[in-house]
Amino acid sequence: MKEEKIEEQKLPNQPWLDLRLTKEAIDHLWEMINQRPRKPLTMNGFGPNNKVYDIEDKNDWFFENVLKECSERLYYKDWNNYYKVHIEHSIPPTVFELQLNVQSRVGKMWANHQKQHEYLPPHAHMGLFSFVVFMKIPTHWKEQHTLPWLKNIAFINASDFQFLLGQGMGPVKNINIPLCPEDEGRILFFPAWLMHQVFPFYECEEERITISGNIILANT
């Protein structure tokens, strides 16, 4: 996979990948979106009005050309995993696959279409790894963060994606990822346990469109 990394400050031992997709990959995803079923899925935890559609990765192209490499990079970043497979040979080579969508029992990826005021509350995913691809971002975070009626709010997160890092009863660190149209084609690939949420956007009639899915170990 040929990707261009996002130029931004990285956290020490950051547990996710932040990458740009190639035009070929983006075009493939748009083809998947445009061939979606007409009837949206009903998925728990996706906010009150979000429309979520099953989409199909034809011939597993996106998995083979993007997601497989992302999975290997995060999995073998853990030295124990690398040692057991490549040095000790105590376990067989790791095989990854897209997890079947538990709500639809058909597709393995889904497209989330949101209108203004819609959001995703804090949640984690199933499986080993998860991802989100920002396909259409109709607003700019600079404009969203300076909406007049938000000026007295201590922490302004309008239109942001946010990771929530913390353990047990300890403090939670919020990692905001402000979004704008330049982020279209950006993928965040992260451990499925990592909590995250998506804040609503305002004063825009266009949809925000993202694609998500989960990765599991096929040989366990």
Protein backbone atom coordinates (compact mmCIF):
# COMPACT_ATOMS: atom_id res chain seq x y z
CA MET A 1 0.00 0.00 0.00
CA LYS A 2 1.36 3.40 -0.93
CA GLU A 3 0.14 6.01 1.49
CA GLU A 4 1.11 9.50 2.58
CA LYS A 5 1.34 9.97 6.32
CA ILE A 6 -0.43 12.85 8.02
CA GLU A 7 2.02 15.54 9.09
CA GLU A 8 1.05 16.18 12.70
CA GLN A 9 2.34 15.74 16.23
CA LYS A 10 2.37 12.09 17.27
CA LEU A 11 1.88 10.78 20.79
CA PRO A 12 4.56 8.51 22.28
CA ASN A 13 3.57 4.91 21.55
CA GLN A 14 0.47 6.13 19.72
CA PRO A 15 -1.75 3.02 19.38
CA TRP A 16 -3.29 3.93 16.02
CA LEU A 17 -2.25 4.55 12.41
CA ASP A 18 -3.14 7.83 10.71
CA LEU A 19 -2.73 7.54 6.94
CA ARG A 20 -3.83 8.89 3.56
CA LEU A 21 -5.37 6.54 1.01
CA THR A 22 -4.39 6.51 -2.63
CA LYS A 23 -6.80 7.79 -5.27
CA GLU A 24 -7.32 4.20 -6.42
CA ALA A 25 -8.39 3.16 -2.94
CA ILE A 26 -10.70 6.17 -2.54
CA ASP A 27 -12.33 5.50 -5.92
CA HIS A 28 -12.89 1.87 -4.90
CA LEU A 29 -14.61 2.95 -1.69
CA TRP A 30 -16.87 5.41 -3.50
CA GLU A 31 -17.91 2.62 -5.85
CA MET A 32 -18.83 0.54 -2.81
CA ILE A 33 -20.86 3.41 -1.35
CA ASN A 34 -22.71 4.08 -4.61
CA GLN A 35 -23.74 0.42 -4.85
CA ARG A 36 -25.06 0.25 -1.29
CA PRO A 37 -28.47 -1.27 -0.48
CA ARG A 38 -31.31 1.23 -0.52
CA LYS A 39 -32.52 0.36 2.98
CA PRO A 40 -30.27 1.45 5.87
CA LEU A 41 -29.37 -0.91 8.69
CA THR A 42 -30.59 -0.56 12.25
CA MET A 43 -27.47 -0.54 14.41
CA ASN A 44 -27.37 -0.01 18.16
CA GLY A 45 -25.23 2.84 19.47
CA PHE A 46 -25.18 4.86 16.25
CA GLY A 47 -27.14 7.85 17.50
CA PRO A 48 -30.82 8.57 16.96
CA ASN A 49 -30.99 9.26 13.22
CA ASN A 50 -27.76 8.04 11.62
CA LYS A 51 -28.22 6.11 8.41
CA VAL A 52 -25.88 3.12 8.21
CA TYR A 53 -25.58 1.05 5.03
CA ASP A 54 -24.03 -2.35 4.42
CA ILE A 55 -21.32 -2.13 1.74
CA GLU A 56 -19.36 -4.87 -0.02
CA ASP A 57 -15.62 -4.91 -0.64
CA LYS A 58 -15.62 -6.53 -4.09
CA ASN A 59 -12.96 -9.22 -4.42
CA ASP A 60 -11.64 -8.13 -1.01
CA TRP A 61 -9.68 -5.42 -2.83
CA PHE A 62 -9.63 -2.89 -0.01
CA PHE A 63 -8.73 -5.52 2.54
CA GLU A 64 -5.88 -6.96 0.46
CA ASN A 65 -4.45 -3.60 -0.60
CA VAL A 66 -4.95 -1.51 2.54
CA LEU A 67 -6.35 -3.20 5.63
CA LYS A 68 -4.10 -6.25 5.60
CA GLU A 69 -0.95 -4.15 5.75
CA CYS A 70 -2.40 -1.88 8.44
CA SER A 71 -3.25 -4.98 10.50
CA GLU A 72 0.28 -6.36 10.19
CA ARG A 73 1.85 -3.03 11.12
CA LEU A 74 -0.13 -2.69 14.34
CA TYR A 75 -0.06 -6.38 15.27
CA TYR A 76 3.70 -6.79 14.88
CA LYS A 77 4.37 -3.48 16.59
CA ASP A 78 3.89 -5.60 19.70
CA TRP A 79 7.28 -7.32 20.10
CA ASN A 80 5.70 -10.41 21.73
CA ASN A 81 3.58 -11.00 18.64
CA TYR A 82 6.54 -10.57 16.32
CA TYR A 83 8.77 -12.83 18.45
CA LYS A 84 6.27 -15.69 18.67
CA VAL A 85 5.58 -15.71 14.93
CA HIS A 86 8.87 -14.73 13.29
CA ILE A 87 11.59 -15.64 15.81
CA GLU A 88 10.32 -18.43 18.04
CA HIS A 89 7.92 -19.87 15.43
CA SER A 90 5.75 -21.07 18.31
CA ILE A 91 2.52 -20.01 16.61
CA PRO A 92 1.60 -20.06 12.91
CA PRO A 93 1.78 -16.91 10.76
CA THR A 94 -1.03 -14.55 11.62
CA VAL A 95 -4.02 -14.40 9.27
CA PHE A 96 -6.38 -11.44 9.42
CA GLU A 97 -9.86 -11.02 7.98
CA LEU A 98 -12.74 -8.57 7.99
CA GLN A 99 -15.33 -9.43 10.60
CA LEU A 100 -18.85 -10.13 9.42
CA ASN A 101 -21.20 -7.30 10.35
CA VAL A 102 -23.05 -8.64 13.40
CA GLN A 103 -26.14 -6.53 12.70
CA SER A 104 -26.62 -7.42 9.03
CA ARG A 105 -24.95 -10.85 8.89
CA VAL A 106 -24.19 -9.97 5.27
CA GLY A 107 -21.58 -7.27 4.77
CA LYS A 108 -18.24 -6.74 6.44
CA MET A 109 -18.02 -2.94 6.14
CA TRP A 110 -20.54 -0.17 6.58
CA ALA A 111 -21.02 3.44 5.46
CA ASN A 112 -22.36 5.92 7.97
CA HIS A 113 -24.28 8.91 6.56
CA GLN A 114 -24.87 11.73 9.04
CA LYS A 115 -26.71 15.01 8.75
CA GLN A 116 -26.14 18.07 10.92
CA HIS A 117 -26.80 17.54 14.65
CA GLU A 118 -26.17 13.77 14.34
CA TYR A 119 -23.33 12.13 16.23
CA LEU A 120 -21.81 8.90 17.50
CA PRO A 121 -21.61 8.56 21.31
CA PRO A 122 -18.53 7.06 23.03
CA HIS A 123 -18.13 3.43 21.99
CA ALA A 124 -15.62 0.70 21.19
CA HIS A 125 -15.77 -1.99 18.51
CA MET A 126 -15.62 -5.77 18.39
CA GLY A 127 -12.67 -7.77 17.10
CA LEU A 128 -8.94 -7.00 17.11
CA PHE A 129 -8.67 -3.78 15.06
CA SER A 130 -11.13 -1.23 13.71
CA PHE A 131 -10.93 1.62 11.24
CA VAL A 132 -12.71 4.71 10.01
CA VAL A 133 -12.25 6.34 6.61
CA PHE A 134 -13.42 9.93 6.20
CA MET A 135 -15.04 9.96 2.77
CA LYS A 136 -16.95 13.24 2.83
CA ILE A 137 -16.43 16.05 5.34
CA PRO A 138 -18.73 18.94 4.36
CA THR A 139 -17.61 21.38 7.07
CA HIS A 140 -14.33 22.89 8.29
CA TRP A 141 -13.43 22.59 11.94
CA LYS A 142 -12.23 26.21 12.10
CA GLU A 143 -15.69 27.46 11.17
CA GLN A 144 -17.43 24.89 13.37
CA HIS A 145 -15.32 25.79 16.41
CA THR A 146 -16.08 29.49 16.05
CA LEU A 147 -19.86 29.32 15.74
CA PRO A 148 -21.16 32.30 17.79
CA TRP A 149 -23.40 30.28 20.07
CA LEU A 150 -20.47 28.03 21.14
CA LYS A 151 -18.21 30.85 22.37
CA ASN A 152 -18.98 30.34 26.08
CA ILE A 153 -18.36 26.57 26.02
CA ALA A 154 -15.14 25.51 27.74
CA PHE A 155 -14.25 22.66 25.37
CA ILE A 156 -15.46 23.08 21.80
CA ASN A 157 -15.52 19.82 19.84
CA ALA A 158 -18.08 20.58 17.11
CA SER A 159 -17.56 18.28 14.09
CA ASP A 160 -14.51 16.54 15.66
CA PHE A 161 -13.56 12.88 15.86
CA GLN A 162 -12.20 12.03 19.31
CA PHE A 163 -10.25 9.15 20.87
CA LEU A 164 -10.67 8.53 24.62
CA LEU A 165 -7.54 7.14 26.30
CA GLY A 166 -7.61 5.86 29.87
CA GLN A 167 -7.46 2.80 32.11
CA GLY A 168 -9.62 1.69 35.01
CA MET A 169 -10.65 4.50 37.33
CA GLY A 170 -7.84 6.80 36.16
CA PRO A 171 -8.20 10.04 34.20
CA VAL A 172 -9.32 9.99 30.58
CA LYS A 173 -7.24 11.79 27.97
CA ASN A 174 -9.25 13.19 25.06
CA ILE A 175 -7.43 13.17 21.73
CA ASN A 176 -9.30 15.46 19.35
CA ILE A 177 -8.98 15.07 15.60
CA PRO A 178 -10.51 18.17 13.98
CA LEU A 179 -11.92 17.49 10.52
CA CYS A 180 -12.21 19.47 7.30
CA PRO A 181 -12.64 18.64 3.57
CA GLU A 182 -8.86 18.14 3.29
CA ASP A 183 -9.27 15.04 5.48
CA GLU A 184 -11.32 13.23 2.86
CA GLY A 185 -9.46 10.01 2.09
CA ARG A 186 -7.84 9.84 5.53
CA ILE A 187 -7.98 6.54 7.45
CA LEU A 188 -7.59 6.00 11.18
CA PHE A 189 -6.75 2.37 12.00
CA PHE A 190 -6.82 1.49 15.69
CA PRO A 191 -7.27 -1.28 18.29
CA ALA A 192 -10.92 -2.26 18.57
CA TRP A 193 -10.89 -1.62 22.33
CA LEU A 194 -10.02 2.06 21.87
CA MET A 195 -13.02 4.20 22.84
CA HIS A 196 -13.95 6.99 20.45
CA GLN A 197 -16.82 9.30 19.52
CA VAL A 198 -17.89 11.67 16.77
CA PHE A 199 -19.35 15.09 17.55
CA PRO A 200 -22.20 16.72 15.58
CA PHE A 201 -21.68 19.44 13.00
CA TYR A 202 -23.95 22.42 12.41
CA GLU A 203 -25.34 24.86 9.83
CA CYS A 204 -24.70 22.60 6.83
CA GLU A 205 -27.24 20.64 4.78
CA GLU A 206 -24.74 18.20 3.26
CA GLU A 207 -24.01 14.75 4.68
CA ARG A 208 -20.88 13.61 6.48
CA ILE A 209 -19.93 10.15 5.16
CA THR A 210 -17.53 7.67 6.75
CA ILE A 211 -16.72 3.99 6.25
CA SER A 212 -15.90 1.57 9.07
CA GLY A 213 -15.26 -2.09 9.75
CA ASN A 214 -13.54 -4.49 12.13
CA ILE A 215 -10.59 -6.88 11.74
CA ILE A 216 -10.31 -10.24 13.49
CA LEU A 217 -7.74 -13.03 13.66
CA ALA A 218 -8.82 -15.77 11.26
CA ASN A 219 -6.59 -18.49 12.72
CA THR A 220 -7.56 -18.37 16.38
